[in-house]
Amino acid sequence: ANGSLRARLKCSSFAAALPEQLKNLLAGGGAASLAVLAVHPLDVVKTRLMAQTNRQYYTGVLDTFQKISRDEGCRGLYRGLGVSLCTTVPMLAMNFTAFDEFSRIYRRSEE
């Protein structure tokens, strides 16, 4: 997703005035957002399974998905998404940006 977002930013007239590092940051942030949205329900399931006390309500991953969907609806699978987006997306965006920048510096030093 990072590569496709970066390619779209390069073609955009809006992005033509932006520095390359900012384009990489935006592409990394977009890719990180998509990744968090895709994986967050699994994180909720993992947390629910781990947080069970003496009485076991959930018996496994699929059972947890089904019970959360039944009891809370689809919104239950995305509970806590805001916090996850606010913490994970900036970190991954910086990771992508740093990787791209260091790769560029490394390629330049090899020439």
N, C-alpha and C. Protein backbone atom coordinates (compact mmCIF):
# COMPACT_ATOMS: atom_id res chain seq x y z
N ALA A 1 0.83 -1.19 0.00
CA ALA A 1 0.00 0.00 0.00
C ALA A 1 0.88 1.25 0.00
N ASN A 2 2.02 1.19 0.66
CA ASN A 2 2.90 2.35 0.72
C ASN A 2 3.38 2.75 -0.67
N GLY A 3 3.77 1.79 -1.48
CA GLY A 3 4.26 2.07 -2.83
C GLY A 3 3.19 2.66 -3.72
N SER A 4 1.97 2.12 -3.64
CA SER A 4 0.90 2.64 -4.49
C SER A 4 0.48 4.04 -4.05
N LEU A 5 0.46 4.30 -2.75
CA LEU A 5 0.15 5.65 -2.28
C LEU A 5 1.24 6.64 -2.70
N ARG A 6 2.49 6.21 -2.63
CA ARG A 6 3.59 7.07 -3.04
C ARG A 6 3.50 7.39 -4.53
N ALA A 7 3.14 6.40 -5.34
CA ALA A 7 2.99 6.61 -6.78
C ALA A 7 1.87 7.59 -7.09
N ARG A 8 0.76 7.48 -6.36
CA ARG A 8 -0.36 8.42 -6.56
C ARG A 8 0.04 9.83 -6.15
N LEU A 9 0.82 9.95 -5.08
CA LEU A 9 1.26 11.27 -4.65
C LEU A 9 2.19 11.92 -5.67
N LYS A 10 3.01 11.10 -6.33
CA LYS A 10 3.92 11.65 -7.34
C LYS A 10 3.17 12.22 -8.54
N CYS A 11 2.02 11.64 -8.87
CA CYS A 11 1.23 12.10 -10.01
C CYS A 11 0.31 13.27 -9.65
N SER A 12 0.10 13.52 -8.39
CA SER A 12 -0.84 14.54 -7.96
C SER A 12 -0.27 15.94 -8.16
N SER A 13 -1.10 16.86 -8.63
CA SER A 13 -0.65 18.25 -8.79
C SER A 13 -0.47 18.90 -7.43
N PHE A 14 -1.28 18.49 -6.45
CA PHE A 14 -1.15 19.01 -5.08
C PHE A 14 0.20 18.64 -4.49
N ALA A 15 0.62 17.42 -4.72
CA ALA A 15 1.84 16.92 -4.10
C ALA A 15 3.10 17.39 -4.81
N ALA A 16 2.97 18.01 -5.97
CA ALA A 16 4.16 18.46 -6.71
C ALA A 16 4.97 19.47 -5.91
N ALA A 17 4.31 20.27 -5.08
CA ALA A 17 5.00 21.29 -4.30
C ALA A 17 5.55 20.76 -2.98
N LEU A 18 5.22 19.53 -2.62
CA LEU A 18 5.65 18.98 -1.34
C LEU A 18 7.05 18.39 -1.43
N PRO A 19 7.84 18.51 -0.36
CA PRO A 19 9.15 17.85 -0.34
C PRO A 19 8.99 16.32 -0.36
N GLU A 20 10.00 15.64 -0.85
CA GLU A 20 9.95 14.18 -0.98
C GLU A 20 9.73 13.49 0.37
N GLN A 21 10.35 14.02 1.43
CA GLN A 21 10.19 13.41 2.74
C GLN A 21 8.74 13.49 3.22
N LEU A 22 8.06 14.60 2.94
CA LEU A 22 6.66 14.74 3.34
C LEU A 22 5.78 13.80 2.53
N LYS A 23 6.09 13.61 1.26
CA LYS A 23 5.34 12.65 0.45
C LYS A 23 5.49 11.24 1.04
N ASN A 24 6.73 10.89 1.42
CA ASN A 24 6.95 9.58 2.03
C ASN A 24 6.21 9.44 3.35
N LEU A 25 6.17 10.52 4.13
CA LEU A 25 5.46 10.51 5.41
C LEU A 25 3.97 10.30 5.18
N LEU A 26 3.39 11.00 4.21
CA LEU A 26 1.97 10.85 3.91
C LEU A 26 1.66 9.45 3.38
N ALA A 27 2.50 8.93 2.51
CA ALA A 27 2.30 7.58 1.99
C ALA A 27 2.42 6.55 3.11
N GLY A 28 3.40 6.72 3.98
CA GLY A 28 3.55 5.81 5.11
C GLY A 28 2.38 5.87 6.06
N GLY A 29 1.87 7.08 6.29
CA GLY A 29 0.71 7.24 7.17
C GLY A 29 -0.53 6.59 6.58
N GLY A 30 -0.71 6.75 5.27
CA GLY A 30 -1.85 6.10 4.62
C GLY A 30 -1.75 4.59 4.67
N ALA A 31 -0.57 4.06 4.40
CA ALA A 31 -0.37 2.61 4.44
C ALA A 31 -0.56 2.08 5.86
N ALA A 32 -0.07 2.83 6.84
CA ALA A 32 -0.22 2.41 8.23
C ALA A 32 -1.69 2.43 8.65
N SER A 33 -2.42 3.42 8.19
CA SER A 33 -3.85 3.50 8.52
C SER A 33 -4.60 2.29 7.97
N LEU A 34 -4.31 1.93 6.73
CA LEU A 34 -4.96 0.76 6.13
C LEU A 34 -4.59 -0.51 6.89
N ALA A 35 -3.33 -0.62 7.28
CA ALA A 35 -2.89 -1.81 8.02
C ALA A 35 -3.60 -1.91 9.37
N VAL A 36 -3.70 -0.79 10.08
CA VAL A 36 -4.37 -0.80 11.39
C VAL A 36 -5.84 -1.15 11.22
N LEU A 37 -6.50 -0.59 10.21
CA LEU A 37 -7.91 -0.89 9.97
C LEU A 37 -8.12 -2.37 9.67
N ALA A 38 -7.20 -2.97 8.94
CA ALA A 38 -7.33 -4.38 8.58
C ALA A 38 -7.08 -5.32 9.75
N VAL A 39 -6.15 -4.96 10.63
CA VAL A 39 -5.70 -5.88 11.67
C VAL A 39 -6.37 -5.62 13.03
N HIS A 40 -6.98 -4.47 13.20
CA HIS A 40 -7.53 -4.11 14.52
C HIS A 40 -8.53 -5.14 15.06
N PRO A 41 -9.45 -5.68 14.25
CA PRO A 41 -10.36 -6.69 14.81
C PRO A 41 -9.62 -7.88 15.43
N LEU A 42 -8.52 -8.30 14.82
CA LEU A 42 -7.74 -9.40 15.42
C LEU A 42 -7.14 -9.00 16.76
N ASP A 43 -6.75 -7.75 16.87
CA ASP A 43 -6.21 -7.25 18.14
C ASP A 43 -7.28 -7.24 19.22
N VAL A 44 -8.49 -6.85 18.85
CA VAL A 44 -9.60 -6.86 19.81
C VAL A 44 -9.88 -8.29 20.27
N VAL A 45 -9.90 -9.23 19.33
CA VAL A 45 -10.14 -10.63 19.67
C VAL A 45 -9.04 -11.14 20.61
N LYS A 46 -7.80 -10.83 20.29
CA LYS A 46 -6.67 -11.27 21.13
C LYS A 46 -6.81 -10.70 22.55
N THR A 47 -7.17 -9.43 22.64
CA THR A 47 -7.31 -8.78 23.94
C THR A 47 -8.44 -9.41 24.74
N ARG A 48 -9.55 -9.68 24.09
CA ARG A 48 -10.69 -10.30 24.80
C ARG A 48 -10.33 -11.69 25.30
N LEU A 49 -9.62 -12.45 24.48
CA LEU A 49 -9.24 -13.80 24.91
C LEU A 49 -8.27 -13.75 26.08
N MET A 50 -7.34 -12.80 26.04
CA MET A 50 -6.35 -12.71 27.11
C MET A 50 -6.94 -12.15 28.39
N ALA A 51 -7.97 -11.33 28.30
CA ALA A 51 -8.52 -10.66 29.47
C ALA A 51 -9.55 -11.49 30.23
N GLN A 52 -9.86 -12.68 29.74
CA GLN A 52 -10.83 -13.52 30.43
C GLN A 52 -10.30 -13.89 31.82
N THR A 53 -11.21 -13.90 32.77
CA THR A 53 -10.81 -14.29 34.13
C THR A 53 -11.23 -15.74 34.38
N ASN A 54 -11.71 -16.04 35.55
CA ASN A 54 -12.05 -17.42 35.90
C ASN A 54 -13.14 -18.01 35.00
N ARG A 55 -14.15 -17.24 34.69
CA ARG A 55 -15.25 -17.71 33.85
C ARG A 55 -14.89 -17.48 32.38
N GLN A 56 -14.85 -18.55 31.60
CA GLN A 56 -14.50 -18.42 30.18
C GLN A 56 -15.76 -18.20 29.36
N TYR A 57 -15.84 -17.02 28.74
CA TYR A 57 -16.96 -16.70 27.87
C TYR A 57 -16.63 -17.06 26.43
N TYR A 58 -15.38 -16.87 26.06
CA TYR A 58 -14.92 -17.16 24.70
C TYR A 58 -14.12 -18.45 24.69
N THR A 59 -14.32 -19.27 23.65
CA THR A 59 -13.61 -20.55 23.60
C THR A 59 -12.51 -20.58 22.55
N GLY A 60 -12.47 -19.60 21.67
CA GLY A 60 -11.44 -19.57 20.64
C GLY A 60 -11.59 -18.32 19.79
N VAL A 61 -10.75 -18.21 18.78
CA VAL A 61 -10.72 -17.02 17.94
C VAL A 61 -12.04 -16.85 17.19
N LEU A 62 -12.50 -17.89 16.49
CA LEU A 62 -13.75 -17.78 15.73
C LEU A 62 -14.94 -17.54 16.63
N ASP A 63 -14.97 -18.21 17.78
CA ASP A 63 -16.05 -18.01 18.74
C ASP A 63 -16.06 -16.56 19.23
N THR A 64 -14.89 -16.01 19.46
CA THR A 64 -14.79 -14.62 19.92
C THR A 64 -15.31 -13.67 18.85
N PHE A 65 -14.90 -13.88 17.59
CA PHE A 65 -15.42 -13.06 16.48
C PHE A 65 -16.95 -13.11 16.44
N GLN A 66 -17.49 -14.32 16.52
CA GLN A 66 -18.94 -14.48 16.42
C GLN A 66 -19.66 -13.80 17.58
N LYS A 67 -19.16 -13.99 18.80
CA LYS A 67 -19.84 -13.42 19.95
C LYS A 67 -19.74 -11.90 20.00
N ILE A 68 -18.59 -11.36 19.62
CA ILE A 68 -18.47 -9.90 19.58
C ILE A 68 -19.41 -9.34 18.52
N SER A 69 -19.45 -9.96 17.36
CA SER A 69 -20.33 -9.50 16.28
C SER A 69 -21.80 -9.60 16.70
N ARG A 70 -22.15 -10.68 17.34
CA ARG A 70 -23.54 -10.89 17.77
C ARG A 70 -23.93 -9.94 18.89
N ASP A 71 -23.06 -9.81 19.91
CA ASP A 71 -23.40 -9.02 21.09
C ASP A 71 -23.26 -7.51 20.88
N GLU A 72 -22.24 -7.09 20.14
CA GLU A 72 -21.93 -5.67 20.01
C GLU A 72 -22.03 -5.14 18.59
N GLY A 73 -22.21 -6.03 17.64
CA GLY A 73 -22.25 -5.63 16.24
C GLY A 73 -20.84 -5.43 15.71
N CYS A 74 -20.75 -4.97 14.48
CA CYS A 74 -19.45 -4.77 13.83
C CYS A 74 -18.61 -3.72 14.57
N ARG A 75 -19.29 -2.77 15.20
CA ARG A 75 -18.57 -1.72 15.94
C ARG A 75 -17.74 -2.29 17.09
N GLY A 76 -18.17 -3.42 17.63
CA GLY A 76 -17.43 -4.03 18.73
C GLY A 76 -16.04 -4.49 18.31
N LEU A 77 -15.91 -4.89 17.05
CA LEU A 77 -14.60 -5.33 16.56
C LEU A 77 -13.64 -4.16 16.38
N TYR A 78 -14.17 -2.95 16.31
CA TYR A 78 -13.32 -1.77 16.13
C TYR A 78 -13.29 -0.90 17.38
N ARG A 79 -13.67 -1.45 18.51
CA ARG A 79 -13.60 -0.71 19.77
C ARG A 79 -12.14 -0.38 20.08
N GLY A 80 -11.87 0.87 20.39
CA GLY A 80 -10.50 1.30 20.69
C GLY A 80 -9.69 1.64 19.46
N LEU A 81 -10.33 1.73 18.30
CA LEU A 81 -9.61 2.01 17.06
C LEU A 81 -8.94 3.38 17.08
N GLY A 82 -9.61 4.37 17.66
CA GLY A 82 -9.04 5.72 17.69
C GLY A 82 -7.69 5.77 18.38
N VAL A 83 -7.60 5.12 19.52
CA VAL A 83 -6.34 5.10 20.26
C VAL A 83 -5.27 4.37 19.46
N SER A 84 -5.67 3.27 18.85
CA SER A 84 -4.72 2.50 18.05
C SER A 84 -4.21 3.32 16.86
N LEU A 85 -5.11 4.03 16.19
CA LEU A 85 -4.69 4.88 15.07
C LEU A 85 -3.76 6.00 15.53
N CYS A 86 -4.09 6.61 16.67
CA CYS A 86 -3.29 7.74 17.16
C CYS A 86 -1.90 7.33 17.62
N THR A 87 -1.74 6.09 18.02
CA THR A 87 -0.43 5.65 18.50
C THR A 87 0.38 4.94 17.42
N THR A 88 -0.26 4.12 16.62
CA THR A 88 0.45 3.28 15.67
C THR A 88 0.78 3.99 14.37
N VAL A 89 -0.17 4.76 13.84
CA VAL A 89 0.02 5.39 12.53
C VAL A 89 1.22 6.35 12.51
N PRO A 90 1.36 7.26 13.48
CA PRO A 90 2.54 8.14 13.41
C PRO A 90 3.86 7.37 13.49
N MET A 91 3.90 6.33 14.32
CA MET A 91 5.12 5.56 14.45
C MET A 91 5.47 4.85 13.14
N LEU A 92 4.48 4.22 12.51
CA LEU A 92 4.74 3.52 11.25
C LEU A 92 5.04 4.50 10.12
N ALA A 93 4.38 5.65 10.12
CA ALA A 93 4.67 6.66 9.10
C ALA A 93 6.12 7.13 9.22
N MET A 94 6.58 7.34 10.43
CA MET A 94 7.98 7.73 10.64
C MET A 94 8.92 6.60 10.24
N ASN A 95 8.52 5.35 10.51
CA ASN A 95 9.33 4.20 10.11
C ASN A 95 9.51 4.15 8.60
N PHE A 96 8.41 4.29 7.86
CA PHE A 96 8.47 4.27 6.41
C PHE A 96 9.33 5.42 5.89
N THR A 97 9.14 6.60 6.47
CA THR A 97 9.89 7.78 6.03
C THR A 97 11.38 7.59 6.28
N ALA A 98 11.72 7.12 7.49
CA ALA A 98 13.14 6.91 7.82
C ALA A 98 13.75 5.85 6.91
N PHE A 99 13.01 4.78 6.65
CA PHE A 99 13.52 3.72 5.77
C PHE A 99 13.80 4.28 4.38
N ASP A 100 12.84 5.02 3.84
CA ASP A 100 13.03 5.59 2.50
C ASP A 100 14.20 6.56 2.46
N GLU A 101 14.32 7.39 3.48
CA GLU A 101 15.40 8.37 3.51
C GLU A 101 16.76 7.70 3.64
N PHE A 102 16.87 6.72 4.54
CA PHE A 102 18.15 6.02 4.69
C PHE A 102 18.48 5.19 3.46
N SER A 103 17.47 4.63 2.81
CA SER A 103 17.72 3.89 1.57
C SER A 103 18.27 4.82 0.50
N ARG A 104 17.70 6.03 0.42
CA ARG A 104 18.16 7.01 -0.56
C ARG A 104 19.60 7.42 -0.27
N ILE A 105 19.91 7.65 0.99
CA ILE A 105 21.27 8.03 1.38
C ILE A 105 22.25 6.90 1.09
N TYR A 106 21.85 5.67 1.38
CA TYR A 106 22.71 4.51 1.13
C TYR A 106 22.98 4.33 -0.36
N ARG A 107 21.94 4.47 -1.18
CA ARG A 107 22.12 4.33 -2.63
C ARG A 107 23.04 5.42 -3.16
N ARG A 108 22.90 6.61 -2.62
CA ARG A 108 23.75 7.72 -3.06
C ARG A 108 25.22 7.49 -2.67
N SER A 109 25.45 6.88 -1.50
CA SER A 109 26.83 6.65 -1.06
C SER A 109 27.50 5.53 -1.86
N GLU A 110 26.71 4.63 -2.44
CA GLU A 110 27.28 3.55 -3.25
C GLU A 110 27.70 4.01 -4.63
N GLU A 111 27.18 5.13 -5.07
CA GLU A 111 27.48 5.61 -6.43
C GLU A 111 28.87 6.18 -6.52
